[in-house]
């Protein structure tokens, strides 16, 4: 993905936090170019009756996807990939079905499972964010904002959504990484000094143009 300055500025506190953590190395944030409202409206027309929710639209108007990766270098010199999380580019959000519910893949987590945003829900699989792994599905959050907020506060640990899933064999390892590197007391939200308020890291305000304007003043 190309370098995206607005998203880099917005997530700078998270990157700085990771750089301050013990043993972390190879920290990298890949981001995309902003999408236009026209391209998002085109997606809606092509996928009707499904429509992109406002929080996801707002994020895509800042960056068409992102990927956060980082490693841990042990005292023995071994490098372990611990951070691997993000958001797919819109063109990579392929349709998937859970029964009659239809969703789109917002992140492919490999062994950790696939994260879907369900836009056409059913009684058994309501609208929201779900993880599908090994033919099992699990509800994660009510909206994209909730997923992205969790990603940030879990510091992008790979498979962070498994941390509280005691039925998964990977949960104990993921939980340990989240406990050690996740943000608990520190905020990953940068301060908007001019307006003396917080810029919403979850993009759930739906005011992407204002957000970009606020960030551009800091250049």
N, C-alpha and C. Protein backbone atom coordinates (compact mmCIF):
# COMPACT_ATOMS: atom_id res chain seq x y z
N UNK A 1 0.84 -1.20 0.00
CA UNK A 1 0.00 0.00 0.00
C UNK A 1 0.88 1.25 0.00
N UNK A 2 0.41 2.33 -0.63
CA UNK A 2 1.17 3.58 -0.60
C UNK A 2 1.12 4.23 0.77
N UNK A 3 2.05 5.14 1.01
CA UNK A 3 2.11 5.83 2.29
C UNK A 3 0.98 6.84 2.39
N UNK A 4 0.28 6.85 3.52
CA UNK A 4 -0.83 7.76 3.75
C UNK A 4 -0.53 8.60 4.97
N UNK A 5 -0.22 9.88 4.74
CA UNK A 5 0.19 10.74 5.84
C UNK A 5 -0.90 10.95 6.90
N UNK A 6 -2.17 11.21 6.52
CA UNK A 6 -3.19 11.41 7.55
C UNK A 6 -3.33 10.23 8.50
N UNK A 7 -3.36 9.00 7.97
CA UNK A 7 -3.50 7.85 8.85
C UNK A 7 -2.25 7.66 9.69
N UNK A 8 -1.08 7.93 9.11
CA UNK A 8 0.17 7.83 9.86
C UNK A 8 0.18 8.79 11.04
N UNK A 9 -0.31 10.01 10.81
CA UNK A 9 -0.38 10.99 11.89
C UNK A 9 -1.37 10.53 12.95
N UNK A 10 -2.51 10.05 12.52
CA UNK A 10 -3.55 9.64 13.45
C UNK A 10 -3.09 8.50 14.35
N UNK A 11 -2.35 7.54 13.79
CA UNK A 11 -1.92 6.38 14.56
C UNK A 11 -0.51 6.54 15.13
N UNK A 12 0.07 7.73 14.99
CA UNK A 12 1.43 7.95 15.50
C UNK A 12 1.57 7.61 16.98
N UNK A 13 0.60 7.96 17.86
CA UNK A 13 0.76 7.59 19.27
C UNK A 13 0.82 6.08 19.49
N UNK A 14 0.07 5.32 18.68
CA UNK A 14 0.12 3.87 18.81
C UNK A 14 1.49 3.35 18.39
N UNK A 15 2.04 3.87 17.29
CA UNK A 15 3.36 3.45 16.84
C UNK A 15 4.42 3.83 17.88
N UNK A 16 4.32 5.03 18.42
CA UNK A 16 5.26 5.47 19.46
C UNK A 16 5.18 4.56 20.68
N UNK A 17 3.96 4.19 21.04
CA UNK A 17 3.77 3.28 22.17
C UNK A 17 4.47 1.95 21.91
N UNK A 18 4.28 1.38 20.72
CA UNK A 18 4.91 0.11 20.39
C UNK A 18 6.43 0.23 20.40
N UNK A 19 6.94 1.34 19.92
CA UNK A 19 8.39 1.55 19.92
C UNK A 19 8.95 1.62 21.33
N UNK A 20 8.12 2.01 22.29
CA UNK A 20 8.57 2.11 23.68
C UNK A 20 8.49 0.79 24.43
N UNK A 21 7.83 -0.19 23.83
CA UNK A 21 7.64 -1.48 24.50
C UNK A 21 8.92 -2.31 24.42
N UNK A 22 9.17 -3.16 25.42
CA UNK A 22 10.38 -3.98 25.41
C UNK A 22 10.35 -5.03 24.30
N UNK A 23 11.48 -5.19 23.64
CA UNK A 23 11.75 -6.27 22.68
C UNK A 23 11.05 -6.10 21.33
N UNK A 24 10.25 -5.05 21.13
CA UNK A 24 9.57 -4.89 19.84
C UNK A 24 10.55 -4.41 18.76
N UNK A 25 10.32 -4.85 17.54
CA UNK A 25 11.18 -4.47 16.41
C UNK A 25 10.37 -4.58 15.12
N UNK A 26 10.90 -4.04 14.04
CA UNK A 26 10.28 -4.13 12.71
C UNK A 26 8.83 -3.65 12.71
N UNK A 27 8.57 -2.54 13.37
CA UNK A 27 7.22 -1.98 13.43
C UNK A 27 6.91 -1.27 12.12
N UNK A 28 5.80 -1.66 11.48
CA UNK A 28 5.49 -1.10 10.17
C UNK A 28 3.99 -0.88 10.01
N UNK A 29 3.63 0.29 9.53
CA UNK A 29 2.23 0.61 9.23
C UNK A 29 2.10 0.88 7.75
N UNK A 30 1.37 0.02 7.04
CA UNK A 30 1.06 0.23 5.63
C UNK A 30 -0.35 0.80 5.53
N UNK A 31 -0.51 1.82 4.73
CA UNK A 31 -1.82 2.44 4.58
C UNK A 31 -2.10 2.73 3.12
N UNK A 32 -3.35 3.06 2.82
CA UNK A 32 -3.74 3.28 1.43
C UNK A 32 -4.13 4.71 1.15
N UNK A 33 -4.42 4.99 -0.10
CA UNK A 33 -4.89 6.32 -0.48
C UNK A 33 -6.36 6.48 -0.09
N UNK A 34 -6.80 7.68 0.17
CA UNK A 34 -8.21 7.90 0.51
C UNK A 34 -9.11 7.56 -0.68
N UNK A 35 -10.26 6.97 -0.40
CA UNK A 35 -11.26 6.74 -1.44
C UNK A 35 -12.21 7.93 -1.51
N UNK A 36 -12.77 8.14 -2.68
CA UNK A 36 -13.70 9.25 -2.87
C UNK A 36 -15.12 8.80 -2.55
N UNK A 37 -16.01 9.72 -2.19
CA UNK A 37 -17.41 9.36 -1.99
C UNK A 37 -18.01 8.68 -3.21
N UNK A 38 -17.59 9.10 -4.40
CA UNK A 38 -18.12 8.50 -5.63
C UNK A 38 -17.77 7.02 -5.70
N UNK A 39 -16.54 6.64 -5.37
CA UNK A 39 -16.14 5.24 -5.43
C UNK A 39 -16.89 4.41 -4.39
N UNK A 40 -17.18 4.99 -3.24
CA UNK A 40 -17.93 4.29 -2.21
C UNK A 40 -19.39 4.13 -2.63
N UNK A 41 -19.95 5.16 -3.24
CA UNK A 41 -21.33 5.07 -3.75
C UNK A 41 -21.43 4.02 -4.85
N UNK A 42 -20.39 3.93 -5.67
CA UNK A 42 -20.38 2.91 -6.72
C UNK A 42 -20.39 1.52 -6.12
N UNK A 43 -19.62 1.32 -5.06
CA UNK A 43 -19.62 0.01 -4.37
C UNK A 43 -21.02 -0.30 -3.87
N UNK A 44 -21.68 0.68 -3.27
CA UNK A 44 -23.04 0.47 -2.76
C UNK A 44 -23.99 0.05 -3.87
N UNK A 45 -23.89 0.70 -5.02
CA UNK A 45 -24.78 0.36 -6.14
C UNK A 45 -24.53 -1.06 -6.63
N UNK A 46 -23.27 -1.44 -6.71
CA UNK A 46 -22.92 -2.77 -7.21
C UNK A 46 -23.29 -3.87 -6.24
N UNK A 47 -23.38 -3.54 -4.95
CA UNK A 47 -23.64 -4.56 -3.93
C UNK A 47 -25.00 -4.39 -3.27
N UNK A 48 -25.88 -3.58 -3.88
CA UNK A 48 -27.22 -3.37 -3.33
C UNK A 48 -27.93 -4.72 -3.13
N UNK A 49 -28.70 -4.87 -2.04
CA UNK A 49 -29.12 -3.82 -1.10
C UNK A 49 -28.11 -3.52 0.02
N UNK A 50 -26.96 -4.18 0.01
CA UNK A 50 -25.96 -3.88 1.04
C UNK A 50 -25.37 -2.50 0.82
N UNK A 51 -25.10 -1.82 1.92
CA UNK A 51 -24.47 -0.50 1.87
C UNK A 51 -23.38 -0.43 2.93
N UNK A 52 -22.28 0.22 2.59
CA UNK A 52 -21.21 0.39 3.57
C UNK A 52 -21.71 1.25 4.73
N UNK A 53 -21.51 0.81 5.97
CA UNK A 53 -21.91 1.64 7.12
C UNK A 53 -21.06 2.90 7.20
N UNK A 54 -21.60 3.92 7.87
CA UNK A 54 -20.95 5.22 7.87
C UNK A 54 -19.55 5.19 8.48
N UNK A 55 -19.35 4.41 9.56
CA UNK A 55 -18.03 4.40 10.18
C UNK A 55 -16.98 3.80 9.26
N UNK A 56 -17.34 2.75 8.53
CA UNK A 56 -16.40 2.16 7.58
C UNK A 56 -16.16 3.09 6.39
N UNK A 57 -17.20 3.75 5.91
CA UNK A 57 -17.04 4.73 4.84
C UNK A 57 -16.06 5.83 5.26
N UNK A 58 -16.23 6.32 6.49
CA UNK A 58 -15.37 7.39 6.98
C UNK A 58 -13.91 6.95 7.04
N UNK A 59 -13.68 5.71 7.47
CA UNK A 59 -12.31 5.20 7.51
C UNK A 59 -11.73 5.11 6.10
N UNK A 60 -12.50 4.57 5.16
CA UNK A 60 -12.01 4.40 3.80
C UNK A 60 -11.76 5.74 3.11
N UNK A 61 -12.43 6.79 3.56
CA UNK A 61 -12.17 8.13 3.01
C UNK A 61 -10.89 8.72 3.58
N UNK A 62 -10.35 8.09 4.62
CA UNK A 62 -9.04 8.47 5.14
C UNK A 62 -7.96 7.56 4.55
N UNK A 63 -8.25 6.26 4.47
CA UNK A 63 -7.27 5.31 3.95
C UNK A 63 -7.98 4.07 3.43
N UNK A 64 -7.68 3.67 2.22
CA UNK A 64 -8.25 2.46 1.64
C UNK A 64 -7.48 1.26 2.18
N UNK A 65 -7.82 0.87 3.40
CA UNK A 65 -7.18 -0.26 4.05
C UNK A 65 -5.93 0.13 4.81
N UNK A 66 -5.46 -0.78 5.64
CA UNK A 66 -4.22 -0.58 6.39
C UNK A 66 -3.74 -1.93 6.92
N UNK A 67 -2.45 -2.00 7.22
CA UNK A 67 -1.88 -3.20 7.83
C UNK A 67 -0.81 -2.79 8.82
N UNK A 68 -0.97 -3.26 10.06
CA UNK A 68 0.01 -2.99 11.11
C UNK A 68 0.72 -4.29 11.45
N UNK A 69 2.05 -4.29 11.31
CA UNK A 69 2.84 -5.47 11.65
C UNK A 69 3.99 -5.09 12.56
N UNK A 70 4.34 -5.99 13.46
CA UNK A 70 5.52 -5.78 14.30
C UNK A 70 5.96 -7.12 14.89
N UNK A 71 7.24 -7.18 15.22
CA UNK A 71 7.85 -8.40 15.72
C UNK A 71 8.39 -8.21 17.13
N UNK A 72 8.68 -9.33 17.76
CA UNK A 72 9.37 -9.35 19.05
C UNK A 72 10.68 -10.10 18.87
N UNK A 73 11.77 -9.50 19.31
CA UNK A 73 13.07 -10.16 19.26
C UNK A 73 13.40 -10.67 20.67
N UNK A 74 13.44 -11.98 20.83
CA UNK A 74 13.70 -12.56 22.14
C UNK A 74 15.15 -12.35 22.54
N UNK A 75 15.44 -12.60 23.81
CA UNK A 75 16.80 -12.44 24.31
C UNK A 75 17.76 -13.41 23.62
N UNK A 76 17.20 -14.50 23.09
CA UNK A 76 18.03 -15.47 22.36
C UNK A 76 18.24 -15.05 20.91
N UNK A 77 17.64 -13.92 20.52
CA UNK A 77 17.83 -13.41 19.17
C UNK A 77 16.80 -13.89 18.16
N UNK A 78 15.82 -14.67 18.61
CA UNK A 78 14.78 -15.16 17.70
C UNK A 78 13.74 -14.07 17.47
N UNK A 79 13.33 -13.90 16.22
CA UNK A 79 12.33 -12.89 15.87
C UNK A 79 10.97 -13.57 15.67
N UNK A 80 9.96 -13.09 16.39
CA UNK A 80 8.61 -13.66 16.34
C UNK A 80 7.63 -12.60 15.86
N UNK A 81 6.83 -12.93 14.88
CA UNK A 81 5.78 -12.02 14.40
C UNK A 81 4.61 -12.07 15.39
N UNK A 82 4.40 -10.99 16.11
CA UNK A 82 3.33 -10.90 17.10
C UNK A 82 2.22 -9.98 16.61
N UNK A 83 2.57 -8.87 15.97
CA UNK A 83 1.57 -7.93 15.48
C UNK A 83 1.26 -8.17 14.02
N UNK A 84 0.00 -8.45 13.73
CA UNK A 84 -0.44 -8.61 12.34
C UNK A 84 -1.95 -8.39 12.30
N UNK A 85 -2.35 -7.16 12.07
CA UNK A 85 -3.77 -6.82 12.07
C UNK A 85 -4.01 -5.67 11.10
N UNK A 86 -5.27 -5.47 10.75
CA UNK A 86 -5.55 -4.36 9.86
C UNK A 86 -6.94 -4.39 9.28
N UNK A 87 -7.06 -3.72 8.14
CA UNK A 87 -8.33 -3.60 7.41
C UNK A 87 -8.02 -3.81 5.93
N UNK A 88 -8.77 -4.68 5.29
CA UNK A 88 -8.57 -4.92 3.86
C UNK A 88 -8.89 -3.68 3.04
N UNK A 89 -8.27 -3.59 1.87
CA UNK A 89 -8.70 -2.60 0.89
C UNK A 89 -10.11 -2.96 0.43
N UNK A 90 -10.86 -1.96 0.02
CA UNK A 90 -12.25 -2.19 -0.36
C UNK A 90 -12.36 -3.25 -1.46
N UNK A 91 -11.44 -3.23 -2.41
CA UNK A 91 -11.49 -4.19 -3.51
C UNK A 91 -11.23 -5.62 -3.04
N UNK A 92 -10.67 -5.78 -1.85
CA UNK A 92 -10.37 -7.10 -1.30
C UNK A 92 -11.43 -7.58 -0.31
N UNK A 93 -12.47 -6.80 -0.10
CA UNK A 93 -13.53 -7.19 0.83
C UNK A 93 -14.52 -8.08 0.10
N UNK A 94 -14.15 -9.35 -0.04
CA UNK A 94 -14.96 -10.31 -0.77
C UNK A 94 -16.17 -10.74 0.05
N UNK A 95 -17.24 -11.10 -0.66
CA UNK A 95 -18.47 -11.51 0.00
C UNK A 95 -18.36 -12.94 0.54
N UNK A 96 -18.91 -13.14 1.73
CA UNK A 96 -18.99 -14.46 2.35
C UNK A 96 -20.36 -14.61 2.98
N UNK A 97 -20.80 -15.86 3.12
CA UNK A 97 -22.11 -16.13 3.71
C UNK A 97 -21.96 -16.96 4.97
N UNK A 98 -22.77 -16.61 5.96
CA UNK A 98 -22.94 -17.44 7.15
C UNK A 98 -24.41 -17.82 7.16
N UNK A 99 -24.72 -19.00 6.65
CA UNK A 99 -26.11 -19.34 6.42
C UNK A 99 -26.68 -18.39 5.38
N UNK A 100 -27.78 -17.72 5.74
CA UNK A 100 -28.39 -16.74 4.83
C UNK A 100 -27.86 -15.33 5.07
N UNK A 101 -27.03 -15.16 6.07
CA UNK A 101 -26.45 -13.84 6.35
C UNK A 101 -25.29 -13.58 5.39
N UNK A 102 -25.22 -12.36 4.89
CA UNK A 102 -24.17 -12.01 3.94
C UNK A 102 -23.25 -10.95 4.55
N UNK A 103 -21.95 -11.21 4.42
CA UNK A 103 -20.97 -10.27 4.94
C UNK A 103 -19.80 -10.12 4.00
N UNK A 104 -18.84 -9.30 4.42
CA UNK A 104 -17.67 -9.01 3.59
C UNK A 104 -16.44 -9.07 4.48
N UNK A 105 -15.37 -9.61 3.91
CA UNK A 105 -14.14 -9.84 4.69
C UNK A 105 -13.38 -8.52 4.86
N UNK A 106 -13.32 -8.03 6.10
CA UNK A 106 -12.56 -6.81 6.35
C UNK A 106 -11.14 -7.11 6.80
N UNK A 107 -10.86 -8.38 7.14
CA UNK A 107 -9.48 -8.75 7.46
C UNK A 107 -9.33 -10.26 7.38
N UNK A 108 -8.26 -10.69 6.71
CA UNK A 108 -7.93 -12.11 6.59
C UNK A 108 -6.82 -12.41 7.58
N UNK A 109 -7.16 -13.09 8.67
CA UNK A 109 -6.21 -13.30 9.75
C UNK A 109 -5.46 -14.62 9.71
N UNK A 110 -5.52 -15.35 8.59
CA UNK A 110 -4.79 -16.61 8.48
C UNK A 110 -5.28 -17.63 9.50
N UNK A 111 -4.37 -18.18 10.29
CA UNK A 111 -4.73 -19.19 11.28
C UNK A 111 -5.67 -18.65 12.36
N UNK A 112 -5.72 -17.33 12.49
CA UNK A 112 -6.58 -16.72 13.51
C UNK A 112 -8.03 -16.58 13.05
N UNK A 113 -8.28 -16.80 11.78
CA UNK A 113 -9.63 -16.71 11.26
C UNK A 113 -9.84 -15.50 10.38
N UNK A 114 -11.03 -15.42 9.85
CA UNK A 114 -11.42 -14.35 8.93
C UNK A 114 -12.41 -13.43 9.64
N UNK A 115 -12.19 -12.12 9.55
CA UNK A 115 -13.08 -11.15 10.19
C UNK A 115 -14.05 -10.62 9.14
N UNK A 116 -15.34 -10.76 9.41
CA UNK A 116 -16.38 -10.34 8.47
C UNK A 116 -17.22 -9.22 9.07
N UNK A 117 -17.67 -8.33 8.21
CA UNK A 117 -18.69 -7.36 8.59
C UNK A 117 -19.99 -7.82 7.94
N UNK A 118 -20.95 -8.22 8.77
CA UNK A 118 -22.23 -8.71 8.27
C UNK A 118 -23.15 -7.53 8.00
N UNK A 119 -23.58 -7.38 6.74
CA UNK A 119 -24.44 -6.27 6.36
C UNK A 119 -25.88 -6.70 6.14
N UNK A 120 -26.09 -7.96 5.78
CA UNK A 120 -27.44 -8.50 5.64
C UNK A 120 -27.56 -9.63 6.65
N UNK A 121 -28.06 -9.30 7.84
CA UNK A 121 -28.07 -10.26 8.93
C UNK A 121 -29.31 -11.12 8.99
N UNK A 122 -29.26 -12.10 9.88
CA UNK A 122 -30.39 -12.99 10.16
C UNK A 122 -30.55 -13.08 11.67
N UNK A 123 -31.57 -13.81 12.11
CA UNK A 123 -31.78 -13.99 13.54
C UNK A 123 -30.61 -14.70 14.18
N UNK A 124 -30.02 -15.66 13.47
CA UNK A 124 -28.88 -16.42 14.00
C UNK A 124 -27.56 -15.68 13.85
N UNK A 125 -27.48 -14.77 12.90
CA UNK A 125 -26.23 -14.03 12.64
C UNK A 125 -26.57 -12.58 12.35
N UNK A 126 -26.65 -11.78 13.40
CA UNK A 126 -27.08 -10.39 13.27
C UNK A 126 -26.00 -9.53 12.63
N UNK A 127 -26.40 -8.34 12.22
CA UNK A 127 -25.45 -7.38 11.65
C UNK A 127 -24.36 -7.05 12.66
N UNK A 128 -23.15 -6.85 12.15
CA UNK A 128 -22.03 -6.52 13.03
C UNK A 128 -20.76 -7.20 12.55
N UNK A 129 -19.79 -7.30 13.44
CA UNK A 129 -18.48 -7.88 13.12
C UNK A 129 -18.40 -9.28 13.71
N UNK A 130 -18.02 -10.23 12.88
CA UNK A 130 -17.92 -11.63 13.28
C UNK A 130 -16.57 -12.19 12.86
N UNK A 131 -16.11 -13.18 13.61
CA UNK A 131 -14.92 -13.95 13.23
C UNK A 131 -15.38 -15.34 12.82
N UNK A 132 -14.86 -15.84 11.73
CA UNK A 132 -15.13 -17.20 11.28
C UNK A 132 -13.81 -17.95 11.24
N UNK A 133 -13.75 -19.04 12.00
CA UNK A 133 -12.53 -19.85 12.05
C UNK A 133 -12.91 -21.31 12.22
N UNK A 134 -12.34 -22.16 11.37
CA UNK A 134 -12.58 -23.60 11.46
C UNK A 134 -14.07 -23.93 11.52
N UNK A 135 -14.84 -23.30 10.64
CA UNK A 135 -16.28 -23.52 10.53
C UNK A 135 -17.07 -23.02 11.75
N UNK A 136 -16.40 -22.37 12.68
CA UNK A 136 -17.09 -21.80 13.84
C UNK A 136 -17.15 -20.29 13.69
N UNK A 137 -18.24 -19.69 14.11
CA UNK A 137 -18.39 -18.24 14.03
C UNK A 137 -18.55 -17.66 15.43
N UNK A 138 -18.11 -16.42 15.56
CA UNK A 138 -18.13 -15.77 16.87
C UNK A 138 -18.35 -14.28 16.69
N UNK A 139 -19.30 -13.74 17.45
CA UNK A 139 -19.62 -12.31 17.39
C UNK A 139 -18.52 -11.51 18.07
N UNK A 140 -18.05 -10.44 17.40
CA UNK A 140 -16.95 -9.64 17.95
C UNK A 140 -17.38 -8.24 18.38
N UNK A 141 -18.12 -7.54 17.55
CA UNK A 141 -18.47 -6.15 17.85
C UNK A 141 -19.71 -5.76 17.06
N UNK A 142 -20.37 -4.69 17.51
CA UNK A 142 -21.60 -4.28 16.84
C UNK A 142 -21.33 -3.53 15.54
N UNK A 143 -20.11 -2.99 15.38
CA UNK A 143 -19.83 -2.20 14.18
C UNK A 143 -18.33 -2.15 13.91
N UNK A 144 -17.98 -1.55 12.76
CA UNK A 144 -16.58 -1.44 12.39
C UNK A 144 -15.79 -0.63 13.40
N UNK A 145 -16.41 0.43 13.94
CA UNK A 145 -15.72 1.27 14.92
C UNK A 145 -15.27 0.44 16.12
N UNK A 146 -16.13 -0.48 16.57
CA UNK A 146 -15.76 -1.33 17.69
C UNK A 146 -14.58 -2.23 17.37
N UNK A 147 -14.57 -2.79 16.16
CA UNK A 147 -13.45 -3.63 15.73
C UNK A 147 -12.16 -2.82 15.70
N UNK A 148 -12.20 -1.63 15.08
CA UNK A 148 -10.99 -0.84 14.92
C UNK A 148 -10.47 -0.35 16.27
N UNK A 149 -11.39 0.00 17.16
CA UNK A 149 -10.99 0.43 18.49
C UNK A 149 -10.27 -0.71 19.23
N UNK A 150 -10.83 -1.92 19.13
CA UNK A 150 -10.20 -3.07 19.77
C UNK A 150 -8.82 -3.36 19.17
N UNK A 151 -8.71 -3.23 17.85
CA UNK A 151 -7.42 -3.42 17.19
C UNK A 151 -6.37 -2.50 17.79
N UNK A 152 -6.73 -1.23 17.97
CA UNK A 152 -5.77 -0.26 18.50
C UNK A 152 -5.41 -0.55 19.94
N UNK A 153 -6.40 -0.82 20.76
CA UNK A 153 -6.11 -1.01 22.17
C UNK A 153 -5.50 -2.38 22.47
N UNK A 154 -5.57 -3.30 21.52
CA UNK A 154 -4.83 -4.56 21.64
C UNK A 154 -3.50 -4.48 20.90
N UNK A 155 -3.13 -3.27 20.47
CA UNK A 155 -1.84 -3.00 19.82
C UNK A 155 -1.63 -3.83 18.56
N UNK A 156 -2.72 -4.23 17.92
CA UNK A 156 -2.59 -4.96 16.67
C UNK A 156 -2.06 -6.37 16.81
N UNK A 157 -2.14 -6.96 18.01
CA UNK A 157 -1.69 -8.34 18.21
C UNK A 157 -2.45 -9.25 17.26
N UNK A 158 -1.75 -10.14 16.58
CA UNK A 158 -2.37 -11.05 15.63
C UNK A 158 -3.44 -11.90 16.31
N UNK A 159 -4.65 -11.89 15.74
CA UNK A 159 -5.73 -12.67 16.31
C UNK A 159 -6.23 -12.17 17.64
N UNK A 160 -6.13 -10.86 17.89
CA UNK A 160 -6.50 -10.31 19.20
C UNK A 160 -7.92 -10.68 19.60
N UNK A 161 -8.79 -10.94 18.62
CA UNK A 161 -10.19 -11.27 18.91
C UNK A 161 -10.34 -12.65 19.55
N UNK A 162 -9.26 -13.43 19.59
CA UNK A 162 -9.31 -14.75 20.21
C UNK A 162 -8.91 -14.72 21.68
N UNK A 163 -8.51 -13.56 22.18
CA UNK A 163 -7.95 -13.47 23.53
C UNK A 163 -8.92 -13.95 24.61
N UNK A 164 -10.22 -13.74 24.40
CA UNK A 164 -11.20 -14.16 25.41
C UNK A 164 -12.04 -15.35 24.95
N UNK A 165 -11.54 -16.08 23.96
CA UNK A 165 -12.24 -17.26 23.45
C UNK A 165 -11.58 -18.51 24.03
N UNK A 166 -12.04 -18.93 25.20
CA UNK A 166 -11.42 -20.06 25.88
C UNK A 166 -11.58 -21.37 25.12
N UNK A 167 -12.48 -21.40 24.15
CA UNK A 167 -12.68 -22.61 23.38
C UNK A 167 -11.70 -22.77 22.23
N UNK A 168 -10.83 -21.79 22.02
CA UNK A 168 -9.87 -21.85 20.92
C UNK A 168 -8.48 -22.18 21.46
N UNK A 169 -7.77 -23.05 20.75
CA UNK A 169 -6.46 -23.49 21.22
C UNK A 169 -5.43 -22.36 21.21
N UNK A 170 -5.68 -21.30 20.42
CA UNK A 170 -4.73 -20.20 20.34
C UNK A 170 -4.99 -19.12 21.38
N UNK A 171 -6.10 -19.22 22.12
CA UNK A 171 -6.52 -18.12 22.98
C UNK A 171 -5.52 -17.80 24.07
N UNK A 172 -4.92 -18.81 24.69
CA UNK A 172 -3.99 -18.56 25.80
C UNK A 172 -2.77 -17.77 25.35
N UNK A 173 -2.22 -18.14 24.20
CA UNK A 173 -1.04 -17.43 23.68
C UNK A 173 -1.41 -16.01 23.29
N UNK A 174 -2.52 -15.85 22.58
CA UNK A 174 -2.96 -14.51 22.17
C UNK A 174 -3.23 -13.65 23.40
N UNK A 175 -3.88 -14.23 24.40
CA UNK A 175 -4.21 -13.48 25.62
C UNK A 175 -2.94 -12.98 26.31
N UNK A 176 -1.91 -13.81 26.35
CA UNK A 176 -0.66 -13.39 26.99
C UNK A 176 -0.03 -12.22 26.24
N UNK A 177 -0.03 -12.27 24.91
CA UNK A 177 0.55 -11.17 24.13
C UNK A 177 -0.25 -9.89 24.34
N UNK A 178 -1.58 -10.01 24.35
CA UNK A 178 -2.42 -8.82 24.55
C UNK A 178 -2.21 -8.23 25.94
N UNK A 179 -2.10 -9.09 26.94
CA UNK A 179 -1.87 -8.60 28.30
C UNK A 179 -0.54 -7.89 28.42
N UNK A 180 0.46 -8.36 27.69
CA UNK A 180 1.80 -7.79 27.82
C UNK A 180 1.96 -6.52 27.00
N UNK A 181 1.35 -6.50 25.79
CA UNK A 181 1.58 -5.37 24.89
C UNK A 181 0.35 -4.48 24.67
N UNK A 182 -0.82 -4.93 25.05
CA UNK A 182 -2.02 -4.13 24.82
C UNK A 182 -2.04 -2.86 25.66
N UNK A 183 -2.76 -1.86 25.17
CA UNK A 183 -2.89 -0.60 25.88
C UNK A 183 -3.96 -0.74 26.95
N UNK A 184 -3.61 -0.48 28.18
CA UNK A 184 -4.58 -0.56 29.26
C UNK A 184 -4.88 0.82 29.81
N UNK A 185 -3.86 1.51 30.28
CA UNK A 185 -4.08 2.83 30.84
C UNK A 185 -3.72 3.95 29.88
N UNK A 186 -2.91 3.62 28.84
CA UNK A 186 -2.50 4.66 27.91
C UNK A 186 -3.50 4.79 26.76
N UNK A 187 -3.74 6.00 26.33
CA UNK A 187 -4.67 6.23 25.23
C UNK A 187 -3.90 6.33 23.92
N UNK A 188 -4.44 5.68 22.88
CA UNK A 188 -3.83 5.77 21.54
C UNK A 188 -4.46 6.89 20.73
N UNK A 189 -5.26 7.72 21.38
CA UNK A 189 -5.95 8.78 20.66
C UNK A 189 -5.16 10.07 20.75
N UNK A 190 -4.71 10.64 19.62
CA UNK A 190 -3.94 11.88 19.65
C UNK A 190 -4.79 13.08 20.03
N UNK A 191 -4.19 14.04 20.65
CA UNK A 191 -4.88 15.25 21.10
C UNK A 191 -5.00 16.28 19.98
N UNK A 192 -6.19 16.80 19.81
CA UNK A 192 -6.41 17.89 18.87
C UNK A 192 -6.18 19.18 19.65
N UNK A 193 -4.97 19.74 19.57
CA UNK A 193 -4.59 20.86 20.41
C UNK A 193 -5.41 22.12 20.12
N UNK A 194 -5.74 22.33 18.88
CA UNK A 194 -6.45 23.56 18.54
C UNK A 194 -7.86 23.58 19.13
N UNK A 195 -8.55 22.42 19.05
CA UNK A 195 -9.92 22.35 19.52
C UNK A 195 -10.03 21.78 20.93
N UNK A 196 -8.89 21.43 21.52
CA UNK A 196 -8.84 20.90 22.87
C UNK A 196 -9.80 19.72 23.04
N UNK A 197 -9.80 18.86 22.06
CA UNK A 197 -10.62 17.66 22.13
C UNK A 197 -9.86 16.50 21.56
N UNK A 198 -10.45 15.31 21.61
CA UNK A 198 -9.80 14.12 21.09
C UNK A 198 -10.28 13.85 19.67
N UNK A 199 -9.35 13.51 18.79
CA UNK A 199 -9.73 13.01 17.48
C UNK A 199 -10.14 11.56 17.66
N UNK A 200 -11.27 11.18 17.11
CA UNK A 200 -11.82 9.84 17.34
C UNK A 200 -11.06 8.82 16.51
N UNK A 201 -10.33 7.95 17.18
CA UNK A 201 -9.52 6.96 16.47
C UNK A 201 -10.39 5.91 15.79
N UNK A 202 -11.64 5.79 16.22
CA UNK A 202 -12.51 4.76 15.66
C UNK A 202 -13.28 5.24 14.43
N UNK A 203 -13.18 6.52 14.08
CA UNK A 203 -13.82 7.05 12.89
C UNK A 203 -15.34 6.88 12.92
N UNK A 204 -15.94 6.81 14.12
CA UNK A 204 -17.38 6.58 14.15
C UNK A 204 -18.17 7.88 14.18
N UNK A 205 -17.52 9.01 14.00
CA UNK A 205 -18.25 10.27 13.95
C UNK A 205 -18.85 10.53 12.58
N UNK A 206 -18.31 9.87 11.55
CA UNK A 206 -18.82 10.08 10.20
C UNK A 206 -18.40 11.41 9.61
N UNK A 207 -17.43 12.10 10.20
CA UNK A 207 -17.00 13.41 9.71
C UNK A 207 -15.56 13.32 9.22
N UNK A 208 -15.36 12.52 8.17
CA UNK A 208 -13.99 12.28 7.70
C UNK A 208 -13.34 13.55 7.18
N UNK A 209 -14.12 14.40 6.50
CA UNK A 209 -13.52 15.61 5.94
C UNK A 209 -13.00 16.52 7.05
N UNK A 210 -13.74 16.65 8.14
CA UNK A 210 -13.30 17.46 9.27
C UNK A 210 -12.06 16.84 9.91
N UNK A 211 -12.06 15.51 10.00
CA UNK A 211 -10.93 14.80 10.59
C UNK A 211 -9.67 15.06 9.77
N UNK A 212 -9.77 14.94 8.45
CA UNK A 212 -8.61 15.18 7.59
C UNK A 212 -8.15 16.62 7.72
N UNK A 213 -9.11 17.55 7.81
CA UNK A 213 -8.75 18.95 7.97
C UNK A 213 -8.00 19.21 9.26
N UNK A 214 -8.43 18.58 10.34
CA UNK A 214 -7.76 18.75 11.62
C UNK A 214 -6.33 18.23 11.55
N UNK A 215 -6.17 17.07 10.90
CA UNK A 215 -4.84 16.48 10.84
C UNK A 215 -3.92 17.27 9.91
N UNK A 216 -4.48 17.84 8.84
CA UNK A 216 -3.64 18.57 7.89
C UNK A 216 -3.06 19.83 8.52
N UNK A 217 -3.71 20.38 9.54
CA UNK A 217 -3.20 21.57 10.20
C UNK A 217 -1.92 21.29 10.98
N UNK A 218 -1.67 20.00 11.26
CA UNK A 218 -0.49 19.65 12.05
C UNK A 218 0.72 19.39 11.18
N UNK A 219 0.58 19.45 9.88
CA UNK A 219 1.70 19.15 8.98
C UNK A 219 2.78 20.23 9.08
